[in-house]
Every structure is written in structure tokens, then in C-alpha cells.
């Protein structure tokens, strides 16, 4: 049971890799290859999704084959946000989700506004506590 969606995000294209984006745009004019690269990149980012609901955190990735992972909010022990200096300027970062185990459950990179993901998880966990 997924519940109400509180937050949903896909990795950012331009904000995560502005130089590669400009390079692909230049390749469009030069060879047309840039259009294929941008199309693949766009589909790949749209095929990766992190969703926070009132009950769980769901991570889905894959174009032809799909990998889906869901973690109950009550099992999430920590949410770590990593941003380099350039990531902070561009407003993207990596979110690492940890449960009770020694190793992180999973990480999602290149997310726009990664602190918003952390706050959405906190809000969803607070909603669960109120019930």
C-alpha cells in the first residue's frame, strides 16, 4: 500500500552536469549525435524516480528492465545528503538512505534540492507518529 505521495523527484540533467549538457548541445550542431545523447539521458533521468509517501520510500530505476526498492519509513534510521561545492551552487546532491544495518540501503545521486528529500522523509515520519 503506497499511500499519498508527499514528494517525488527525478535526477536533474542540466543542473547535475551543465558542461556535458552544453557539450551535447554542441554535438547536435556538429554531428547530430548530441540529440541521441540528450534523448537517452532524458529517458534515463525520467526512468529513475525517488518517491516519498506517507508509508514508505520508493526508489525505481531502469529503462528496459526495472529495479524497484521500497523501504518502510519506520525502518529509516538516517538520511545523509552529500554535496560538493559545485553541487551546492547548482542545487543538486546525493541522498543516502540508511536503515538499521551497517551499510546504507541505497543512494540516489544528482537529485534536485536534496535537502527537500530529507525534509519530506522527516515530515512523512512525523505524520506516521501522529497516527
N, C-alpha and C. Protein backbone atom coordinates (compact mmCIF):
# COMPACT_ATOMS: atom_id res chain seq x y z
N UNK A 1 0.85 -1.18 0.00
CA UNK A 1 0.00 0.00 0.00
C UNK A 1 0.89 1.24 0.00
N UNK A 2 0.89 1.97 -1.07
CA UNK A 2 1.80 3.09 -1.24
C UNK A 2 1.38 4.31 -0.43
N UNK A 3 0.14 4.69 -0.46
CA UNK A 3 -0.29 5.87 0.28
C UNK A 3 -0.19 7.13 -0.55
N UNK A 4 -0.40 8.24 0.11
CA UNK A 4 -0.37 9.55 -0.53
C UNK A 4 1.08 9.97 -0.81
N UNK A 5 1.32 10.46 -2.01
CA UNK A 5 2.65 10.91 -2.39
C UNK A 5 2.93 12.26 -1.73
N UNK A 6 4.03 12.32 -0.97
CA UNK A 6 4.44 13.55 -0.30
C UNK A 6 5.49 14.28 -1.14
N UNK A 7 6.37 13.52 -1.77
CA UNK A 7 7.44 14.11 -2.56
C UNK A 7 7.86 13.11 -3.63
N UNK A 8 8.19 13.63 -4.82
CA UNK A 8 8.68 12.79 -5.91
C UNK A 8 9.74 13.57 -6.66
N UNK A 9 10.86 12.91 -6.97
CA UNK A 9 11.95 13.59 -7.66
C UNK A 9 12.63 12.66 -8.65
N UNK A 10 13.10 13.23 -9.74
CA UNK A 10 13.93 12.56 -10.74
C UNK A 10 15.28 13.26 -10.73
N UNK A 11 16.35 12.55 -11.08
CA UNK A 11 17.66 13.22 -11.17
C UNK A 11 17.61 14.39 -12.16
N UNK A 12 18.39 15.40 -11.87
CA UNK A 12 18.45 16.59 -12.72
C UNK A 12 19.41 16.35 -13.88
N UNK A 13 19.11 16.91 -15.03
CA UNK A 13 20.01 16.80 -16.17
C UNK A 13 20.98 17.98 -16.18
N UNK A 14 20.48 19.15 -16.51
CA UNK A 14 21.35 20.31 -16.69
C UNK A 14 22.05 20.69 -15.40
N UNK A 15 21.30 20.76 -14.30
CA UNK A 15 21.89 21.21 -13.04
C UNK A 15 22.95 20.25 -12.52
N UNK A 16 22.82 18.96 -12.82
CA UNK A 16 23.79 17.98 -12.33
C UNK A 16 25.07 17.97 -13.18
N UNK A 17 24.93 18.17 -14.47
CA UNK A 17 26.07 18.10 -15.39
C UNK A 17 25.96 19.20 -16.46
N UNK A 18 26.13 20.45 -16.09
CA UNK A 18 25.94 21.53 -17.08
C UNK A 18 26.94 21.48 -18.24
N UNK A 19 28.16 21.05 -17.98
CA UNK A 19 29.17 21.01 -19.04
C UNK A 19 28.85 19.92 -20.06
N UNK A 20 28.40 18.75 -19.58
CA UNK A 20 28.00 17.68 -20.50
C UNK A 20 26.79 18.09 -21.32
N UNK A 21 25.87 18.82 -20.69
CA UNK A 21 24.68 19.28 -21.40
C UNK A 21 25.07 20.21 -22.55
N UNK A 22 25.94 21.17 -22.26
CA UNK A 22 26.40 22.10 -23.30
C UNK A 22 27.16 21.33 -24.39
N UNK A 23 27.98 20.37 -23.99
CA UNK A 23 28.72 19.55 -24.95
C UNK A 23 27.76 18.81 -25.88
N UNK A 24 26.70 18.22 -25.33
CA UNK A 24 25.72 17.51 -26.16
C UNK A 24 24.99 18.46 -27.11
N UNK A 25 24.68 19.64 -26.63
CA UNK A 25 24.02 20.63 -27.50
C UNK A 25 24.94 21.02 -28.65
N UNK A 26 26.25 21.18 -28.36
CA UNK A 26 27.21 21.48 -29.42
C UNK A 26 27.33 20.33 -30.42
N UNK A 27 27.23 19.09 -29.92
CA UNK A 27 27.29 17.93 -30.82
C UNK A 27 26.08 17.85 -31.75
N UNK A 28 24.97 18.45 -31.35
CA UNK A 28 23.79 18.47 -32.23
C UNK A 28 24.14 19.24 -33.51
N UNK A 29 24.77 20.39 -33.33
CA UNK A 29 25.14 21.21 -34.48
C UNK A 29 26.24 20.56 -35.30
N UNK A 30 27.14 19.88 -34.62
CA UNK A 30 28.29 19.30 -35.31
C UNK A 30 27.93 18.01 -36.04
N UNK A 31 27.32 17.08 -35.37
CA UNK A 31 27.10 15.75 -35.98
C UNK A 31 25.68 15.22 -35.85
N UNK A 32 24.85 15.86 -35.03
CA UNK A 32 23.53 15.31 -34.77
C UNK A 32 23.55 14.24 -33.70
N UNK A 33 24.74 13.79 -33.31
CA UNK A 33 24.89 12.76 -32.29
C UNK A 33 24.42 13.26 -30.93
N UNK A 34 24.56 14.54 -30.69
CA UNK A 34 24.16 15.14 -29.42
C UNK A 34 22.69 14.95 -29.13
N UNK A 35 21.87 14.96 -30.18
CA UNK A 35 20.43 14.75 -29.99
C UNK A 35 20.15 13.36 -29.45
N UNK A 36 20.84 12.35 -29.97
CA UNK A 36 20.67 10.99 -29.46
C UNK A 36 21.14 10.88 -28.01
N UNK A 37 22.27 11.52 -27.71
CA UNK A 37 22.77 11.50 -26.34
C UNK A 37 21.81 12.19 -25.38
N UNK A 38 21.29 13.34 -25.77
CA UNK A 38 20.33 14.05 -24.92
C UNK A 38 19.04 13.26 -24.74
N UNK A 39 18.58 12.62 -25.79
CA UNK A 39 17.36 11.80 -25.70
C UNK A 39 17.56 10.63 -24.74
N UNK A 40 18.68 9.93 -24.87
CA UNK A 40 18.98 8.81 -23.96
C UNK A 40 19.09 9.31 -22.52
N UNK A 41 19.80 10.41 -22.32
CA UNK A 41 19.98 10.99 -21.00
C UNK A 41 18.64 11.38 -20.38
N UNK A 42 17.78 12.00 -21.19
CA UNK A 42 16.45 12.42 -20.71
C UNK A 42 15.62 11.20 -20.29
N UNK A 43 15.61 10.19 -21.13
CA UNK A 43 14.83 8.98 -20.81
C UNK A 43 15.38 8.31 -19.55
N UNK A 44 16.69 8.27 -19.43
CA UNK A 44 17.32 7.65 -18.25
C UNK A 44 16.96 8.41 -16.97
N UNK A 45 16.97 9.74 -17.01
CA UNK A 45 16.61 10.50 -15.82
C UNK A 45 15.13 10.35 -15.47
N UNK A 46 14.28 10.29 -16.48
CA UNK A 46 12.85 10.12 -16.22
C UNK A 46 12.51 8.71 -15.76
N UNK A 47 13.39 7.75 -16.06
CA UNK A 47 13.17 6.36 -15.65
C UNK A 47 13.71 6.09 -14.25
N UNK A 48 14.30 7.10 -13.63
CA UNK A 48 14.79 6.99 -12.26
C UNK A 48 13.95 7.92 -11.40
N UNK A 49 13.39 7.38 -10.31
CA UNK A 49 12.47 8.16 -9.51
C UNK A 49 12.59 7.79 -8.03
N UNK A 50 12.58 8.80 -7.19
CA UNK A 50 12.54 8.62 -5.74
C UNK A 50 11.23 9.22 -5.26
N UNK A 51 10.41 8.42 -4.59
CA UNK A 51 9.10 8.86 -4.14
C UNK A 51 8.97 8.64 -2.64
N UNK A 52 8.51 9.67 -1.95
CA UNK A 52 8.22 9.58 -0.53
C UNK A 52 6.71 9.60 -0.38
N UNK A 53 6.17 8.56 0.25
CA UNK A 53 4.73 8.52 0.54
C UNK A 53 4.56 8.57 2.05
N UNK A 54 3.33 8.52 2.48
CA UNK A 54 3.07 8.57 3.92
C UNK A 54 3.50 7.29 4.63
N UNK A 55 3.77 6.21 3.88
CA UNK A 55 4.15 4.94 4.50
C UNK A 55 5.55 4.45 4.17
N UNK A 56 6.04 4.81 2.98
CA UNK A 56 7.31 4.24 2.55
C UNK A 56 8.07 5.17 1.61
N UNK A 57 9.33 4.79 1.41
CA UNK A 57 10.20 5.47 0.45
C UNK A 57 10.44 4.48 -0.68
N UNK A 58 10.17 4.90 -1.91
CA UNK A 58 10.31 4.01 -3.06
C UNK A 58 11.35 4.58 -4.02
N UNK A 59 12.21 3.70 -4.49
CA UNK A 59 13.25 4.05 -5.47
C UNK A 59 13.09 3.13 -6.66
N UNK A 60 13.00 3.72 -7.83
CA UNK A 60 12.81 2.94 -9.06
C UNK A 60 13.78 3.45 -10.11
N UNK A 61 14.44 2.52 -10.80
CA UNK A 61 15.33 2.91 -11.89
C UNK A 61 15.32 1.85 -12.97
N UNK A 62 15.64 2.26 -14.18
CA UNK A 62 15.74 1.34 -15.30
C UNK A 62 14.89 1.77 -16.47
N UNK A 63 15.41 1.53 -17.65
CA UNK A 63 14.69 1.88 -18.87
C UNK A 63 13.95 0.66 -19.40
N UNK A 64 14.69 -0.39 -19.76
CA UNK A 64 14.05 -1.60 -20.27
C UNK A 64 13.75 -2.59 -19.14
N UNK A 65 14.71 -2.82 -18.28
CA UNK A 65 14.46 -3.62 -17.09
C UNK A 65 14.38 -2.68 -15.90
N UNK A 66 13.53 -2.99 -14.95
CA UNK A 66 13.30 -2.10 -13.82
C UNK A 66 13.83 -2.71 -12.53
N UNK A 67 14.37 -1.83 -11.69
CA UNK A 67 14.77 -2.20 -10.34
C UNK A 67 13.94 -1.33 -9.41
N UNK A 68 13.18 -1.97 -8.52
CA UNK A 68 12.33 -1.24 -7.58
C UNK A 68 12.69 -1.65 -6.17
N UNK A 69 12.79 -0.65 -5.31
CA UNK A 69 13.13 -0.90 -3.92
C UNK A 69 12.24 0.00 -3.07
N UNK A 70 11.64 -0.57 -2.05
CA UNK A 70 10.86 0.25 -1.13
C UNK A 70 11.29 -0.05 0.29
N UNK A 71 11.33 1.00 1.09
CA UNK A 71 11.72 0.90 2.49
C UNK A 71 10.63 1.56 3.31
N UNK A 72 10.17 0.88 4.33
CA UNK A 72 9.17 1.44 5.22
C UNK A 72 9.78 2.63 5.96
N UNK A 73 9.01 3.68 6.14
CA UNK A 73 9.51 4.87 6.82
C UNK A 73 9.95 4.56 8.25
N UNK A 74 9.30 3.61 8.88
CA UNK A 74 9.67 3.30 10.26
C UNK A 74 11.03 2.63 10.36
N UNK A 75 11.55 2.10 9.24
CA UNK A 75 12.86 1.45 9.25
C UNK A 75 14.01 2.39 8.88
N UNK A 76 13.69 3.57 8.39
CA UNK A 76 14.73 4.52 8.00
C UNK A 76 15.32 5.14 9.27
N UNK A 77 16.63 4.97 9.44
CA UNK A 77 17.31 5.49 10.63
C UNK A 77 18.02 6.81 10.35
N UNK A 78 18.54 6.97 9.13
CA UNK A 78 19.21 8.23 8.81
C UNK A 78 19.11 8.52 7.32
N UNK A 79 19.13 9.81 7.02
CA UNK A 79 19.13 10.31 5.65
C UNK A 79 20.32 11.26 5.55
N UNK A 80 21.29 10.89 4.74
CA UNK A 80 22.51 11.68 4.59
C UNK A 80 22.47 12.38 3.23
N UNK A 81 22.85 13.65 3.22
CA UNK A 81 22.91 14.43 1.98
C UNK A 81 24.36 14.80 1.73
N UNK A 82 24.89 14.44 0.57
CA UNK A 82 26.25 14.79 0.17
C UNK A 82 26.19 15.76 -1.00
N UNK A 83 26.92 16.88 -0.88
CA UNK A 83 27.00 17.86 -1.95
C UNK A 83 28.42 18.40 -2.01
N UNK A 84 28.98 18.39 -3.20
CA UNK A 84 30.26 19.07 -3.40
C UNK A 84 29.97 20.57 -3.49
N UNK A 85 31.03 21.36 -3.57
CA UNK A 85 30.86 22.81 -3.69
C UNK A 85 30.05 23.15 -4.94
N UNK A 86 30.41 22.54 -6.07
CA UNK A 86 29.69 22.80 -7.32
C UNK A 86 28.24 22.32 -7.22
N UNK A 87 28.03 21.16 -6.58
CA UNK A 87 26.66 20.66 -6.38
C UNK A 87 25.82 21.65 -5.58
N UNK A 88 26.42 22.24 -4.55
CA UNK A 88 25.69 23.20 -3.73
C UNK A 88 25.31 24.42 -4.55
N UNK A 89 26.21 24.89 -5.40
CA UNK A 89 25.92 26.04 -6.25
C UNK A 89 24.77 25.71 -7.22
N UNK A 90 24.81 24.49 -7.78
CA UNK A 90 23.81 24.08 -8.78
C UNK A 90 22.53 23.52 -8.16
N UNK A 91 22.53 23.30 -6.84
CA UNK A 91 21.32 22.84 -6.16
C UNK A 91 21.00 21.37 -6.36
N UNK A 92 22.02 20.53 -6.51
CA UNK A 92 21.82 19.09 -6.64
C UNK A 92 22.68 18.37 -5.60
N UNK A 93 22.42 17.08 -5.41
CA UNK A 93 23.23 16.33 -4.48
C UNK A 93 22.83 14.87 -4.43
N UNK A 94 23.53 14.14 -3.59
CA UNK A 94 23.28 12.71 -3.40
C UNK A 94 22.58 12.51 -2.07
N UNK A 95 21.56 11.66 -2.07
CA UNK A 95 20.83 11.31 -0.86
C UNK A 95 21.12 9.84 -0.56
N UNK A 96 21.58 9.58 0.68
CA UNK A 96 21.90 8.22 1.10
C UNK A 96 20.94 7.82 2.21
N UNK A 97 20.24 6.71 2.00
CA UNK A 97 19.25 6.21 2.94
C UNK A 97 19.83 5.04 3.71
N UNK A 98 19.78 5.11 5.04
CA UNK A 98 20.30 4.03 5.88
C UNK A 98 19.19 3.50 6.79
N UNK A 99 19.18 2.19 6.95
CA UNK A 99 18.28 1.54 7.89
C UNK A 99 19.12 1.02 9.04
N UNK A 100 18.64 0.02 9.73
CA UNK A 100 19.33 -0.47 10.92
C UNK A 100 20.64 -1.20 10.61
N UNK A 101 20.88 -1.59 9.37
CA UNK A 101 22.09 -2.33 9.01
C UNK A 101 23.33 -1.46 9.02
N UNK A 102 24.48 -2.09 8.83
CA UNK A 102 25.75 -1.38 8.81
C UNK A 102 25.93 -0.56 7.53
N UNK A 103 25.49 -1.09 6.42
CA UNK A 103 25.64 -0.44 5.13
C UNK A 103 24.38 0.35 4.78
N UNK A 104 24.54 1.45 4.03
CA UNK A 104 23.35 2.18 3.57
C UNK A 104 22.47 1.29 2.69
N UNK A 105 21.19 1.52 2.76
CA UNK A 105 20.24 0.74 1.96
C UNK A 105 20.41 1.05 0.48
N UNK A 106 20.45 2.34 0.14
CA UNK A 106 20.69 2.77 -1.24
C UNK A 106 21.01 4.25 -1.25
N UNK A 107 21.52 4.71 -2.39
CA UNK A 107 21.78 6.14 -2.58
C UNK A 107 21.28 6.55 -3.95
N UNK A 108 20.86 7.79 -4.04
CA UNK A 108 20.38 8.36 -5.30
C UNK A 108 21.15 9.65 -5.51
N UNK A 109 21.85 9.74 -6.62
CA UNK A 109 22.64 10.93 -6.92
C UNK A 109 21.94 11.87 -7.86
N UNK A 110 22.46 13.09 -7.92
CA UNK A 110 22.02 14.11 -8.87
C UNK A 110 20.58 14.56 -8.66
N UNK A 111 20.07 14.43 -7.43
CA UNK A 111 18.71 14.87 -7.15
C UNK A 111 18.66 16.38 -6.96
N UNK A 112 17.65 17.02 -7.53
CA UNK A 112 17.50 18.46 -7.28
C UNK A 112 17.02 18.67 -5.85
N UNK A 113 17.52 19.70 -5.21
CA UNK A 113 17.13 20.06 -3.84
C UNK A 113 17.14 18.85 -2.89
N UNK A 114 18.31 18.24 -2.67
CA UNK A 114 18.37 17.02 -1.85
C UNK A 114 17.92 17.23 -0.40
N UNK A 115 18.06 18.43 0.11
CA UNK A 115 17.60 18.68 1.48
C UNK A 115 16.08 18.62 1.56
N UNK A 116 15.40 18.91 0.47
CA UNK A 116 13.94 18.79 0.42
C UNK A 116 13.52 17.32 0.56
N UNK A 117 14.32 16.41 0.00
CA UNK A 117 14.04 14.97 0.15
C UNK A 117 14.14 14.60 1.62
N UNK A 118 15.20 15.03 2.28
CA UNK A 118 15.39 14.73 3.70
C UNK A 118 14.23 15.28 4.53
N UNK A 119 13.82 16.51 4.23
CA UNK A 119 12.71 17.12 4.96
C UNK A 119 11.38 16.41 4.68
N UNK A 120 11.18 15.95 3.45
CA UNK A 120 9.95 15.22 3.11
C UNK A 120 9.89 13.90 3.88
N UNK A 121 11.02 13.23 4.02
CA UNK A 121 11.05 11.99 4.79
C UNK A 121 10.75 12.27 6.26
N UNK A 122 11.31 13.33 6.80
CA UNK A 122 11.03 13.72 8.18
C UNK A 122 9.57 14.06 8.39
N UNK A 123 8.97 14.79 7.42
CA UNK A 123 7.54 15.12 7.52
C UNK A 123 6.68 13.86 7.48
N UNK A 124 7.03 12.94 6.59
CA UNK A 124 6.26 11.70 6.46
C UNK A 124 6.40 10.87 7.73
N UNK A 125 7.58 10.81 8.31
CA UNK A 125 7.77 10.06 9.55
C UNK A 125 6.98 10.72 10.69
N UNK A 126 6.94 12.04 10.71
CA UNK A 126 6.16 12.74 11.74
C UNK A 126 4.67 12.46 11.58
N UNK A 127 4.20 12.37 10.35
CA UNK A 127 2.79 12.03 10.10
C UNK A 127 2.47 10.63 10.63
N UNK A 128 3.39 9.72 10.47
CA UNK A 128 3.20 8.35 10.97
C UNK A 128 3.15 8.33 12.49
N UNK A 129 3.95 9.19 13.12
CA UNK A 129 3.98 9.24 14.59
C UNK A 129 2.65 9.77 15.14
N UNK A 130 2.01 10.70 14.38
CA UNK A 130 0.76 11.29 14.83
C UNK A 130 -0.40 10.30 14.77
N UNK A 131 -0.29 9.31 13.91
CA UNK A 131 -1.38 8.32 13.75
C UNK A 131 -1.44 7.35 14.90
